[in-house]
C-alpha cells in the first residue's frame, strides 16, 4: 500500500536561500531512491519561509529505507540550525 506524507517546514526569513539549497539536494537525491513515486517541494504562496514536502512512497518499507539515507540525515542536521520551529509530518494511506 502506498504511503502518503506531507511535511511542513517553517524557516527563519534570513535563511531562506540556505533552506532552498538544502531542499534542492534532498529532493534531487530522494527522487533517485527505490520506491519514491513523488517527492515535491512546495512553497506556501502566502507565508514566506513556509515549505511543504509532498511525498508518495511505494510502501512503508521504502520510506523506512529513506529515513536512513545520508542525504536525509544531512538535511535534518543542517536544517535544524535554521528552522523557525520543529517540522510537522503527517503520514497516511489513501482511503478514497
C-alpha atoms as a PDB file:
ATOM      1  CA  UNK A   1       0.000   0.000   0.000  1.00  0.00           C
ATOM      2  CA  UNK A   2       1.340   3.440  -0.942  1.00  0.00           C
ATOM      3  CA  UNK A   3       2.334   5.796   1.875  1.00  0.00           C
ATOM      4  CA  UNK A   4       1.443   9.484   1.527  1.00  0.00           C
ATOM      5  CA  UNK A   5       3.359  12.096   3.515  1.00  0.00           C
ATOM      6  CA  UNK A   6       3.076  15.845   3.888  1.00  0.00           C
ATOM      7  CA  UNK A   7       5.872  17.530   5.820  1.00  0.00           C
ATOM      8  CA  UNK A   8       5.609  21.182   6.844  1.00  0.00           C
ATOM      9  CA  UNK A   9       8.712  23.318   7.455  1.00  0.00           C
ATOM     10  CA  UNK A  10       8.988  26.931   8.639  1.00  0.00           C
ATOM     11  CA  UNK A  11      12.382  28.554   8.204  1.00  0.00           C
ATOM     12  CA  UNK A  12      13.745  31.802   9.535  1.00  0.00           C
ATOM     13  CA  UNK A  13      13.401  34.519   6.878  1.00  0.00           C
ATOM     14  CA  UNK A  14      17.084  35.370   6.820  1.00  0.00           C
ATOM     15  CA  UNK A  15      17.931  31.737   5.960  1.00  0.00           C
ATOM     16  CA  UNK A  16      15.579  31.103   3.042  1.00  0.00           C
ATOM     17  CA  UNK A  17      18.302  30.768   0.407  1.00  0.00           C
ATOM     18  CA  UNK A  18      20.115  28.227   2.584  1.00  0.00           C
ATOM     19  CA  UNK A  19      16.863  26.329   3.099  1.00  0.00           C
ATOM     20  CA  UNK A  20      16.180  26.149  -0.633  1.00  0.00           C
ATOM     21  CA  UNK A  21      19.704  24.845  -1.280  1.00  0.00           C
ATOM     22  CA  UNK A  22      19.249  22.142   1.361  1.00  0.00           C
ATOM     23  CA  UNK A  23      15.891  21.169  -0.138  1.00  0.00           C
ATOM     24  CA  UNK A  24      17.288  21.032  -3.681  1.00  0.00           C
ATOM     25  CA  UNK A  25      19.889  18.458  -2.668  1.00  0.00           C
ATOM     26  CA  UNK A  26      17.370  16.476  -0.629  1.00  0.00           C
ATOM     27  CA  UNK A  27      14.761  16.385  -3.401  1.00  0.00           C
ATOM     28  CA  UNK A  28      17.262  15.559  -6.145  1.00  0.00           C
ATOM     29  CA  UNK A  29      18.754  12.635  -4.199  1.00  0.00           C
ATOM     30  CA  UNK A  30      15.458  11.330  -2.826  1.00  0.00           C
ATOM     31  CA  UNK A  31      13.853  11.147  -6.271  1.00  0.00           C
ATOM     32  CA  UNK A  32      16.574   8.622  -7.215  1.00  0.00           C
ATOM     33  CA  UNK A  33      15.563   6.261  -4.410  1.00  0.00           C
ATOM     34  CA  UNK A  34      13.850   2.944  -4.928  1.00  0.00           C
ATOM     35  CA  UNK A  35      10.146   3.237  -4.119  1.00  0.00           C
ATOM     36  CA  UNK A  36       9.951   7.035  -4.340  1.00  0.00           C
ATOM     37  CA  UNK A  37       6.918   7.801  -6.511  1.00  0.00           C
ATOM     38  CA  UNK A  38       6.676  11.533  -5.779  1.00  0.00           C
ATOM     39  CA  UNK A  39       8.811  13.988  -3.836  1.00  0.00           C
ATOM     40  CA  UNK A  40       7.892  17.613  -4.489  1.00  0.00           C
ATOM     41  CA  UNK A  41       8.840  20.823  -2.725  1.00  0.00           C
ATOM     42  CA  UNK A  42       6.085  23.438  -2.493  1.00  0.00           C
ATOM     43  CA  UNK A  43       6.481  26.961  -1.153  1.00  0.00           C
ATOM     44  CA  UNK A  44       3.430  28.426   0.578  1.00  0.00           C
ATOM     45  CA  UNK A  45       2.186  31.327  -1.548  1.00  0.00           C
ATOM     46  CA  UNK A  46       1.101  33.446   1.420  1.00  0.00           C
ATOM     47  CA  UNK A  47       3.689  32.624   4.080  1.00  0.00           C
ATOM     48  CA  UNK A  48       7.307  33.359   3.267  1.00  0.00           C
ATOM     49  CA  UNK A  49       9.612  30.709   4.697  1.00  0.00           C
ATOM     50  CA  UNK A  50       6.941  28.003   4.818  1.00  0.00           C
ATOM     51  CA  UNK A  51       7.515  24.927   2.674  1.00  0.00           C
ATOM     52  CA  UNK A  52       5.757  21.598   2.165  1.00  0.00           C
ATOM     53  CA  UNK A  53       7.274  18.339   1.028  1.00  0.00           C
ATOM     54  CA  UNK A  54       4.649  16.229  -0.711  1.00  0.00           C
ATOM     55  CA  UNK A  55       5.783  12.606  -0.710  1.00  0.00           C
ATOM     56  CA  UNK A  56       4.410   9.391  -2.151  1.00  0.00           C
ATOM     57  CA  UNK A  57       6.176   6.126  -1.396  1.00  0.00           C
ATOM     58  CA  UNK A  58       5.525   2.714  -2.877  1.00  0.00           C
ATOM     59  CA  UNK A  59       5.444   1.252   0.648  1.00  0.00           C
ATOM     60  CA  UNK A  60       6.180   1.934   4.305  1.00  0.00           C
ATOM     61  CA  UNK A  61       9.328  -0.146   3.884  1.00  0.00           C
ATOM     62  CA  UNK A  62      10.626   2.120   1.117  1.00  0.00           C
ATOM     63  CA  UNK A  63      10.056   5.157   3.324  1.00  0.00           C
ATOM     64  CA  UNK A  64      11.842   3.427   6.194  1.00  0.00           C
ATOM     65  CA  UNK A  65      14.866   2.926   3.949  1.00  0.00           C
ATOM     66  CA  UNK A  66      14.713   6.629   3.035  1.00  0.00           C
ATOM     67  CA  UNK A  67      14.931   7.546   6.723  1.00  0.00           C
ATOM     68  CA  UNK A  68      18.410   6.004   6.896  1.00  0.00           C
ATOM     69  CA  UNK A  69      19.902   7.745   3.872  1.00  0.00           C
ATOM     70  CA  UNK A  70      22.861  10.072   4.167  1.00  0.00           C
ATOM     71  CA  UNK A  71      21.128  12.881   2.248  1.00  0.00           C
ATOM     72  CA  UNK A  72      18.145  12.898   4.628  1.00  0.00           C
ATOM     73  CA  UNK A  73      20.366  12.804   7.715  1.00  0.00           C
ATOM     74  CA  UNK A  74      22.464  15.668   6.303  1.00  0.00           C
ATOM     75  CA  UNK A  75      19.300  17.667   5.583  1.00  0.00           C
ATOM     76  CA  UNK A  76      17.978  17.142   9.114  1.00  0.00           C
ATOM     77  CA  UNK A  77      21.286  18.121  10.702  1.00  0.00           C
ATOM     78  CA  UNK A  78      21.704  21.300   8.646  1.00  0.00           C
ATOM     79  CA  UNK A  79      18.042  22.325   8.558  1.00  0.00           C
ATOM     80  CA  UNK A  80      17.674  22.068  12.332  1.00  0.00           C
ATOM     81  CA  UNK A  81      20.033  25.048  12.670  1.00  0.00           C
ATOM     82  CA  UNK A  82      17.835  27.356  10.587  1.00  0.00           C
ATOM     83  CA  UNK A  83      14.285  26.128  11.249  1.00  0.00           C
ATOM     84  CA  UNK A  84      11.953  28.563  12.961  1.00  0.00           C
ATOM     85  CA  UNK A  85      10.125  25.664  14.622  1.00  0.00           C
ATOM     86  CA  UNK A  86      10.086  21.876  14.583  1.00  0.00           C
ATOM     87  CA  UNK A  87       8.846  20.349  11.328  1.00  0.00           C
ATOM     88  CA  UNK A  88       5.393  18.757  11.298  1.00  0.00           C
ATOM     89  CA  UNK A  89       4.994  15.470   9.456  1.00  0.00           C
ATOM     90  CA  UNK A  90       1.709  13.803   8.527  1.00  0.00           C
ATOM     91  CA  UNK A  91       1.620  10.218   7.193  1.00  0.00           C
ATOM     92  CA  UNK A  92      -1.331   8.251   5.896  1.00  0.00           C
ATOM     93  CA  UNK A  93      -2.911   5.897   3.425  1.00  0.00           C
ATOM     94  CA  UNK A  94      -5.349   6.920   0.703  1.00  0.00           C
ATOM     95  CA  UNK A  95      -8.875   5.909   1.645  1.00  0.00           C
ATOM     96  CA  UNK A  96     -10.805   7.207  -1.355  1.00  0.00           C
END
